[in-house]
N, C-alpha and C. Protein backbone atom coordinates (compact mmCIF):
# COMPACT_ATOMS: atom_id res chain seq x y z
N MET A 1 41.99 -85.25 175.22
CA MET A 1 40.15 -85.60 175.04
C MET A 1 40.19 -85.97 173.71
N GLU A 2 39.18 -86.85 173.83
CA GLU A 2 38.83 -88.13 172.74
C GLU A 2 37.56 -87.02 171.16
N GLY A 3 37.95 -87.68 170.48
CA GLY A 3 37.00 -87.12 169.04
C GLY A 3 36.04 -86.49 169.37
N MET A 4 35.12 -87.41 169.94
CA MET A 4 33.61 -86.61 170.16
C MET A 4 33.52 -85.81 170.91
N SER A 5 34.65 -85.45 171.65
CA SER A 5 34.40 -84.27 173.09
C SER A 5 34.94 -82.99 172.19
N TYR A 6 36.09 -83.54 171.34
CA TYR A 6 36.39 -82.11 171.13
C TYR A 6 35.63 -81.64 169.64
N LEU A 7 34.88 -82.37 168.90
CA LEU A 7 33.92 -82.33 168.49
C LEU A 7 32.95 -81.54 168.81
N THR A 8 32.76 -82.17 170.25
CA THR A 8 31.39 -81.26 170.71
C THR A 8 31.86 -80.12 171.19
N VAL A 9 32.53 -79.76 171.68
CA VAL A 9 33.19 -78.38 172.03
C VAL A 9 33.43 -77.59 171.10
N ALA A 10 33.68 -78.12 170.08
CA ALA A 10 34.23 -77.02 168.79
C ALA A 10 33.01 -76.75 168.41
N TYR A 11 32.04 -77.55 168.01
CA TYR A 11 30.39 -77.32 167.86
C TYR A 11 29.83 -75.97 168.78
N LEU A 12 30.13 -76.25 170.09
CA LEU A 12 29.61 -75.29 171.07
C LEU A 12 30.46 -74.14 171.08
N GLY A 13 31.58 -74.46 170.43
CA GLY A 13 32.63 -72.74 170.41
C GLY A 13 31.97 -71.77 169.47
N MET A 14 31.40 -73.01 168.48
CA MET A 14 31.02 -72.66 167.09
C MET A 14 30.08 -71.32 166.97
N ILE A 15 28.92 -71.99 167.49
CA ILE A 15 27.39 -71.96 167.74
C ILE A 15 27.86 -70.62 168.86
N SER A 16 28.27 -70.59 169.47
CA SER A 16 28.64 -69.28 170.77
C SER A 16 29.00 -67.68 170.30
N GLY A 17 30.01 -68.46 168.96
CA GLY A 17 30.58 -67.47 167.97
C GLY A 17 29.30 -66.36 167.28
N ILE A 18 28.98 -67.22 166.83
CA ILE A 18 28.13 -67.06 166.38
C ILE A 18 26.54 -66.15 166.65
N ALA A 19 26.77 -66.75 167.99
CA ALA A 19 25.40 -65.88 168.53
C ALA A 19 26.06 -64.66 168.89
N ILE A 20 27.16 -64.85 169.25
CA ILE A 20 27.58 -63.32 170.01
C ILE A 20 28.08 -62.24 168.48
N TRP A 21 27.84 -62.56 167.76
CA TRP A 21 28.18 -62.04 166.66
C TRP A 21 26.76 -61.20 166.11
N THR A 22 26.40 -62.10 165.97
CA THR A 22 24.78 -61.68 165.65
C THR A 22 23.95 -60.82 166.29
N TRP A 23 24.13 -60.92 168.06
CA TRP A 23 23.83 -60.19 168.84
C TRP A 23 24.87 -58.60 168.61
N THR A 24 25.79 -58.74 168.39
CA THR A 24 26.46 -57.42 168.50
C THR A 24 26.37 -56.83 166.93
N VAL A 25 25.58 -57.75 166.06
CA VAL A 25 25.14 -57.25 164.26
C VAL A 25 24.15 -56.14 164.61
N PHE A 26 23.05 -56.48 165.52
CA PHE A 26 21.73 -56.14 166.14
C PHE A 26 21.82 -55.30 166.85
N ALA A 27 22.76 -55.61 167.66
CA ALA A 27 23.04 -54.08 168.63
C ALA A 27 23.74 -52.62 168.18
N ARG A 28 24.33 -53.16 167.18
CA ARG A 28 24.87 -52.11 166.32
C ARG A 28 23.79 -51.58 165.47
N ALA A 29 23.05 -52.49 164.86
CA ALA A 29 22.27 -51.99 163.62
C ALA A 29 21.11 -50.93 164.80
N LYS A 30 20.81 -51.24 165.30
CA LYS A 30 19.82 -50.06 166.42
C LYS A 30 19.87 -49.37 166.67
N THR A 31 21.22 -49.15 167.02
CA THR A 31 21.83 -47.84 167.71
C THR A 31 22.50 -47.53 166.45
N LEU A 32 22.77 -47.88 164.94
CA LEU A 32 22.49 -46.88 163.86
C LEU A 32 21.01 -46.39 163.70
N GLU A 33 20.11 -47.22 163.58
CA GLU A 33 18.67 -46.48 162.84
C GLU A 33 18.73 -45.66 164.39
N ALA A 34 18.64 -45.53 165.59
CA ALA A 34 18.62 -44.49 166.27
C ALA A 34 19.11 -43.17 166.35
N ARG A 35 20.19 -43.40 165.95
CA ARG A 35 21.15 -42.14 165.25
C ARG A 35 20.02 -41.85 164.35
N ILE A 36 20.21 -42.44 162.72
CA ILE A 36 19.41 -41.65 162.03
C ILE A 36 18.16 -41.14 162.28
N SER A 37 17.54 -41.66 163.01
CA SER A 37 15.80 -41.16 163.74
C SER A 37 16.33 -40.10 164.47
N ALA A 38 17.08 -39.79 165.70
CA ALA A 38 17.69 -38.58 165.63
C ALA A 38 18.56 -37.29 164.94
N ILE A 39 18.77 -37.65 164.04
CA ILE A 39 18.84 -36.29 163.03
C ILE A 39 18.17 -36.13 161.87
N GLU A 40 17.28 -37.00 161.55
CA GLU A 40 15.93 -37.05 160.85
C GLU A 40 14.87 -35.91 162.19
N THR A 41 14.69 -36.34 163.01
CA THR A 41 14.04 -35.15 163.45
C THR A 41 14.69 -34.06 164.10
N SER A 42 16.15 -34.20 164.40
CA SER A 42 17.07 -32.81 164.36
C SER A 42 16.78 -32.46 163.71
N LEU A 43 16.55 -32.28 162.34
CA LEU A 43 16.18 -31.64 160.89
C LEU A 43 15.17 -31.53 160.17
N GLY A 44 14.26 -31.45 161.47
CA GLY A 44 12.67 -31.48 161.31
C GLY A 44 12.31 -32.55 160.28
N LYS A 45 13.08 -33.37 159.55
CA LYS A 45 12.74 -33.69 158.44
C LYS A 45 11.38 -35.25 158.45
N GLU A 46 9.92 -35.18 157.80
CA GLU A 46 9.03 -36.14 158.45
C GLU A 46 9.93 -37.72 158.01
N GLU A 47 9.50 -38.58 157.94
CA GLU A 47 9.71 -39.99 157.18
C GLU A 47 9.55 -39.94 156.36
N ILE A 48 8.89 -38.95 155.36
CA ILE A 48 8.75 -39.62 153.91
C ILE A 48 9.50 -38.59 153.43
N GLU A 49 9.77 -36.99 153.61
CA GLU A 49 10.64 -36.33 153.14
C GLU A 49 12.15 -37.14 153.09
N ALA A 50 12.95 -38.06 154.72
CA ALA A 50 13.88 -38.23 154.69
C ALA A 50 13.89 -39.72 153.47
N ASP A 51 12.92 -40.02 153.27
CA ASP A 51 13.25 -41.04 152.60
C ASP A 51 13.55 -40.87 151.38
N SER A 52 12.61 -39.71 150.72
CA SER A 52 12.87 -39.08 149.60
C SER A 52 14.57 -38.32 149.12
N ILE A 53 15.18 -37.93 149.96
CA ILE A 53 15.89 -37.35 150.05
C ILE A 53 17.31 -38.33 150.12
N ALA A 54 17.19 -39.85 150.61
CA ALA A 54 18.04 -40.54 150.61
C ALA A 54 18.21 -41.34 149.05
N LEU A 55 16.93 -40.90 148.69
CA LEU A 55 16.89 -41.68 147.11
C LEU A 55 17.70 -40.75 146.30
N GLN A 56 17.49 -39.44 146.44
CA GLN A 56 17.87 -38.18 145.40
C GLN A 56 19.48 -38.71 145.26
N SER A 57 19.60 -38.79 146.94
CA SER A 57 20.91 -38.60 147.33
C SER A 57 21.58 -39.84 146.56
N ALA A 58 21.17 -41.54 146.57
CA ALA A 58 21.42 -42.29 145.92
C ALA A 58 21.43 -42.53 144.55
N ASN A 59 20.65 -41.64 143.97
CA ASN A 59 20.72 -41.64 142.55
C ASN A 59 21.75 -40.46 142.07
N SER A 60 21.81 -39.79 142.61
CA SER A 60 23.17 -38.75 142.23
C SER A 60 24.17 -39.43 142.59
N ASP A 61 24.72 -40.36 143.39
CA ASP A 61 25.70 -41.26 143.55
C ASP A 61 25.50 -42.18 142.58
N ASN A 62 24.79 -43.11 142.26
CA ASN A 62 24.88 -43.64 140.93
C ASN A 62 25.43 -42.60 139.17
N ASN A 63 24.61 -42.24 139.34
CA ASN A 63 25.09 -41.08 138.34
C ASN A 63 26.09 -40.50 138.29
N GLU A 64 26.82 -40.04 139.48
CA GLU A 64 28.01 -39.91 139.53
C GLU A 64 29.09 -41.34 138.65
N ALA A 65 28.63 -42.28 139.76
CA ALA A 65 29.60 -43.15 138.60
C ALA A 65 29.58 -44.16 137.72
N THR A 66 28.28 -43.53 137.07
CA THR A 66 28.11 -44.21 135.55
C THR A 66 28.68 -43.07 134.83
N GLY A 67 28.27 -42.03 135.38
CA GLY A 67 28.53 -41.12 134.22
C GLY A 67 29.89 -40.16 134.35
């Protein structure tokens, strides 16, 4: 294979790999968001309440790490 042909195939492969990786990241994020929403719903928490719980948990984790 000539140099330019090899380079073209390599770039197309790299772009395809990045596209597939991006697709899987967004698919996993969507699934994770759906799971979190289902957990919040099953616990009977409103969105604002769930956010405050997450903030309290994050603050307590930070305090334990620094304390």
